[in-house]
Amino acid sequence: TIISQYANSPILTDLIESFNASVDQTQNIDDFYDSRNITEKEFYSTSRQVKITAPCYSINNVEIWGATAMIVSELLDVLN
């Protein structure tokens, strides 16, 4: 597959290692359901020329927003 062709890419492995170092993987998923950690963030889409409001999660001083937060939000809906 295409993914397997890049599995040993130095850029990809550095990105994954950097992510793993900055995110506490032991953090409980319940923190994503905690309303104190959920807000909304507005940003401007230059391609569509519109203002978009997206969910934003702030967990362990890391802000997760935009498409990533939308995916997390949908995942949490499925898990409920």
N, C-alpha and C. Protein backbone atom coordinates (compact mmCIF):
# COMPACT_ATOMS: atom_id res chain seq x y z
N THR A 1 0.84 -1.19 0.00
CA THR A 1 0.00 0.00 0.00
C THR A 1 0.88 1.25 0.00
N ILE A 2 0.24 2.37 -0.25
CA ILE A 2 0.98 3.64 -0.26
C ILE A 2 1.57 3.93 1.11
N ILE A 3 0.78 3.69 2.15
CA ILE A 3 1.26 3.97 3.51
C ILE A 3 2.52 3.18 3.81
N SER A 4 2.54 1.90 3.45
CA SER A 4 3.70 1.07 3.77
C SER A 4 4.97 1.56 3.07
N GLN A 5 4.82 2.24 1.95
CA GLN A 5 5.98 2.78 1.24
C GLN A 5 6.66 3.88 2.05
N TYR A 6 5.91 4.52 2.92
CA TYR A 6 6.44 5.64 3.70
C TYR A 6 6.65 5.29 5.16
N ALA A 7 6.45 4.04 5.52
CA ALA A 7 6.52 3.64 6.93
C ALA A 7 7.87 3.94 7.56
N ASN A 8 8.94 3.88 6.79
CA ASN A 8 10.27 4.15 7.32
C ASN A 8 10.80 5.51 6.92
N SER A 9 9.93 6.37 6.46
CA SER A 9 10.34 7.72 6.08
C SER A 9 10.85 8.47 7.30
N PRO A 10 12.04 9.06 7.24
CA PRO A 10 12.57 9.80 8.39
C PRO A 10 11.65 10.95 8.80
N ILE A 11 11.04 11.60 7.85
CA ILE A 11 10.14 12.71 8.18
C ILE A 11 8.92 12.19 8.94
N LEU A 12 8.34 11.10 8.45
CA LEU A 12 7.17 10.53 9.10
C LEU A 12 7.50 9.99 10.48
N THR A 13 8.59 9.28 10.62
CA THR A 13 8.95 8.73 11.93
C THR A 13 9.29 9.85 12.92
N ASP A 14 9.94 10.93 12.44
CA ASP A 14 10.21 12.08 13.32
C ASP A 14 8.91 12.73 13.78
N LEU A 15 7.97 12.84 12.86
CA LEU A 15 6.67 13.43 13.19
C LEU A 15 5.96 12.59 14.24
N ILE A 16 5.96 11.29 14.07
CA ILE A 16 5.29 10.39 15.02
C ILE A 16 5.99 10.45 16.38
N GLU A 17 7.31 10.44 16.38
CA GLU A 17 8.06 10.52 17.65
C GLU A 17 7.80 11.84 18.36
N SER A 18 7.75 12.92 17.61
CA SER A 18 7.47 14.23 18.18
C SER A 18 6.07 14.26 18.80
N PHE A 19 5.09 13.70 18.07
CA PHE A 19 3.73 13.64 18.58
C PHE A 19 3.68 12.82 19.87
N ASN A 20 4.31 11.65 19.85
CA ASN A 20 4.30 10.78 21.03
C ASN A 20 4.97 11.45 22.23
N ALA A 21 5.98 12.25 21.99
CA ALA A 21 6.68 12.94 23.08
C ALA A 21 5.83 14.07 23.67
N SER A 22 4.99 14.69 22.86
CA SER A 22 4.23 15.84 23.34
C SER A 22 2.84 15.50 23.85
N VAL A 23 2.35 14.30 23.57
CA VAL A 23 1.01 13.91 23.99
C VAL A 23 1.11 12.80 25.03
N ASP A 24 0.42 13.02 26.13
CA ASP A 24 0.39 12.00 27.18
C ASP A 24 -0.57 10.90 26.75
N GLN A 25 0.00 9.77 26.32
CA GLN A 25 -0.83 8.69 25.80
C GLN A 25 -1.59 7.94 26.88
N THR A 26 -1.26 8.23 28.14
CA THR A 26 -1.99 7.58 29.23
C THR A 26 -3.19 8.41 29.66
N GLN A 27 -3.34 9.58 29.09
CA GLN A 27 -4.45 10.46 29.45
C GLN A 27 -5.78 9.75 29.21
N ASN A 28 -6.66 9.90 30.13
CA ASN A 28 -7.94 9.21 30.08
C ASN A 28 -8.85 9.84 29.02
N ILE A 29 -9.52 9.01 28.25
CA ILE A 29 -10.43 9.50 27.21
C ILE A 29 -11.58 10.30 27.81
N ASP A 30 -11.86 10.08 29.10
CA ASP A 30 -12.93 10.83 29.75
C ASP A 30 -12.67 12.34 29.72
N ASP A 31 -11.41 12.73 29.64
CA ASP A 31 -11.09 14.16 29.58
C ASP A 31 -11.67 14.81 28.33
N PHE A 32 -11.87 14.03 27.27
CA PHE A 32 -12.48 14.57 26.07
C PHE A 32 -13.97 14.81 26.25
N TYR A 33 -14.58 14.14 27.22
CA TYR A 33 -16.01 14.33 27.51
C TYR A 33 -16.23 15.42 28.55
N ASP A 34 -15.20 15.82 29.26
CA ASP A 34 -15.30 16.83 30.31
C ASP A 34 -15.58 18.19 29.69
N SER A 35 -16.73 18.77 30.02
CA SER A 35 -17.14 20.03 29.40
C SER A 35 -16.16 21.17 29.67
N ARG A 36 -15.38 21.07 30.74
CA ARG A 36 -14.38 22.12 31.02
C ARG A 36 -13.26 22.12 29.99
N ASN A 37 -13.09 21.01 29.28
CA ASN A 37 -12.02 20.90 28.28
C ASN A 37 -12.50 21.14 26.86
N ILE A 38 -13.81 21.40 26.71
CA ILE A 38 -14.38 21.56 25.37
C ILE A 38 -14.84 22.99 25.16
N THR A 39 -14.35 23.60 24.10
CA THR A 39 -14.79 24.93 23.71
C THR A 39 -15.00 24.93 22.20
N GLU A 40 -15.17 26.10 21.66
CA GLU A 40 -15.24 26.24 20.21
C GLU A 40 -14.23 27.28 19.79
N LYS A 41 -13.71 27.11 18.61
CA LYS A 41 -12.73 28.05 18.07
C LYS A 41 -13.21 28.51 16.71
N GLU A 42 -13.12 29.80 16.47
CA GLU A 42 -13.50 30.34 15.17
C GLU A 42 -12.25 30.57 14.34
N PHE A 43 -12.33 30.22 13.08
CA PHE A 43 -11.25 30.53 12.16
C PHE A 43 -11.84 30.86 10.81
N TYR A 44 -11.05 31.50 10.01
CA TYR A 44 -11.52 31.97 8.71
C TYR A 44 -10.98 31.07 7.61
N SER A 45 -11.87 30.54 6.80
CA SER A 45 -11.47 29.71 5.66
C SER A 45 -11.25 30.62 4.47
N THR A 46 -9.99 30.75 4.08
CA THR A 46 -9.69 31.61 2.93
C THR A 46 -10.18 31.00 1.63
N SER A 47 -10.23 29.68 1.57
CA SER A 47 -10.68 29.05 0.33
C SER A 47 -12.18 29.22 0.12
N ARG A 48 -12.93 29.20 1.22
CA ARG A 48 -14.39 29.34 1.10
C ARG A 48 -14.89 30.74 1.44
N GLN A 49 -13.97 31.58 1.95
CA GLN A 49 -14.32 32.96 2.32
C GLN A 49 -15.43 33.01 3.37
N VAL A 50 -15.35 32.12 4.34
CA VAL A 50 -16.35 32.09 5.41
C VAL A 50 -15.67 31.88 6.76
N LYS A 51 -16.38 32.28 7.80
CA LYS A 51 -15.91 32.02 9.16
C LYS A 51 -16.49 30.67 9.60
N ILE A 52 -15.65 29.82 10.15
CA ILE A 52 -16.06 28.48 10.56
C ILE A 52 -15.87 28.34 12.07
N THR A 53 -16.83 27.74 12.71
CA THR A 53 -16.73 27.43 14.13
C THR A 53 -16.52 25.93 14.27
N ALA A 54 -15.48 25.55 15.00
CA ALA A 54 -15.15 24.13 15.15
C ALA A 54 -14.93 23.83 16.63
N PRO A 55 -15.17 22.57 17.02
CA PRO A 55 -14.90 22.20 18.40
C PRO A 55 -13.41 22.31 18.69
N CYS A 56 -13.10 22.59 19.94
CA CYS A 56 -11.71 22.71 20.38
C CYS A 56 -11.60 22.02 21.73
N TYR A 57 -10.63 21.14 21.85
CA TYR A 57 -10.35 20.45 23.10
C TYR A 57 -9.02 20.97 23.65
N SER A 58 -9.03 21.32 24.92
CA SER A 58 -7.80 21.76 25.57
C SER A 58 -7.50 20.76 26.69
N ILE A 59 -6.51 19.90 26.43
CA ILE A 59 -6.18 18.84 27.37
C ILE A 59 -4.67 18.85 27.60
N ASN A 60 -4.29 18.92 28.87
CA ASN A 60 -2.87 18.99 29.24
C ASN A 60 -2.16 20.14 28.52
N ASN A 61 -2.82 21.27 28.45
CA ASN A 61 -2.27 22.47 27.80
C ASN A 61 -1.98 22.28 26.32
N VAL A 62 -2.62 21.29 25.71
CA VAL A 62 -2.51 21.08 24.27
C VAL A 62 -3.88 21.37 23.68
N GLU A 63 -3.90 22.25 22.69
CA GLU A 63 -5.16 22.61 22.04
C GLU A 63 -5.35 21.77 20.78
N ILE A 64 -6.45 21.05 20.73
CA ILE A 64 -6.78 20.22 19.58
C ILE A 64 -8.01 20.85 18.94
N TRP A 65 -7.86 21.32 17.70
CA TRP A 65 -8.98 22.02 17.07
C TRP A 65 -8.99 21.75 15.57
N GLY A 66 -9.93 22.36 14.90
CA GLY A 66 -10.02 22.20 13.46
C GLY A 66 -10.47 20.81 13.07
N ALA A 67 -9.94 20.32 11.98
CA ALA A 67 -10.35 19.02 11.45
C ALA A 67 -10.08 17.90 12.45
N THR A 68 -8.97 18.00 13.17
CA THR A 68 -8.64 16.96 14.16
C THR A 68 -9.71 16.91 15.24
N ALA A 69 -10.12 18.06 15.75
CA ALA A 69 -11.16 18.10 16.78
C ALA A 69 -12.50 17.64 16.24
N MET A 70 -12.78 17.94 14.98
CA MET A 70 -14.03 17.47 14.37
C MET A 70 -14.05 15.94 14.31
N ILE A 71 -12.90 15.36 13.96
CA ILE A 71 -12.80 13.90 13.91
C ILE A 71 -12.95 13.31 15.30
N VAL A 72 -12.30 13.92 16.30
CA VAL A 72 -12.42 13.45 17.68
C VAL A 72 -13.87 13.53 18.14
N SER A 73 -14.53 14.64 17.83
CA SER A 73 -15.93 14.83 18.20
C SER A 73 -16.81 13.74 17.60
N GLU A 74 -16.60 13.43 16.33
CA GLU A 74 -17.38 12.38 15.69
C GLU A 74 -17.08 11.01 16.30
N LEU A 75 -15.82 10.76 16.63
CA LEU A 75 -15.45 9.50 17.26
C LEU A 75 -16.14 9.35 18.61
N LEU A 76 -16.16 10.42 19.40
CA LEU A 76 -16.81 10.38 20.70
C LEU A 76 -18.31 10.13 20.56
N ASP A 77 -18.93 10.70 19.52
CA ASP A 77 -20.35 10.43 19.27
C ASP A 77 -20.57 8.95 18.98
N VAL A 78 -19.68 8.36 18.20
CA VAL A 78 -19.81 6.94 17.87
C VAL A 78 -19.61 6.08 19.13
N LEU A 79 -18.67 6.48 19.98
CA LEU A 79 -18.40 5.71 21.19
C LEU A 79 -19.54 5.79 22.20
N ASN A 80 -20.32 6.86 22.13
CA ASN A 80 -21.48 6.98 23.04
C ASN A 80 -22.49 6.02 22.58
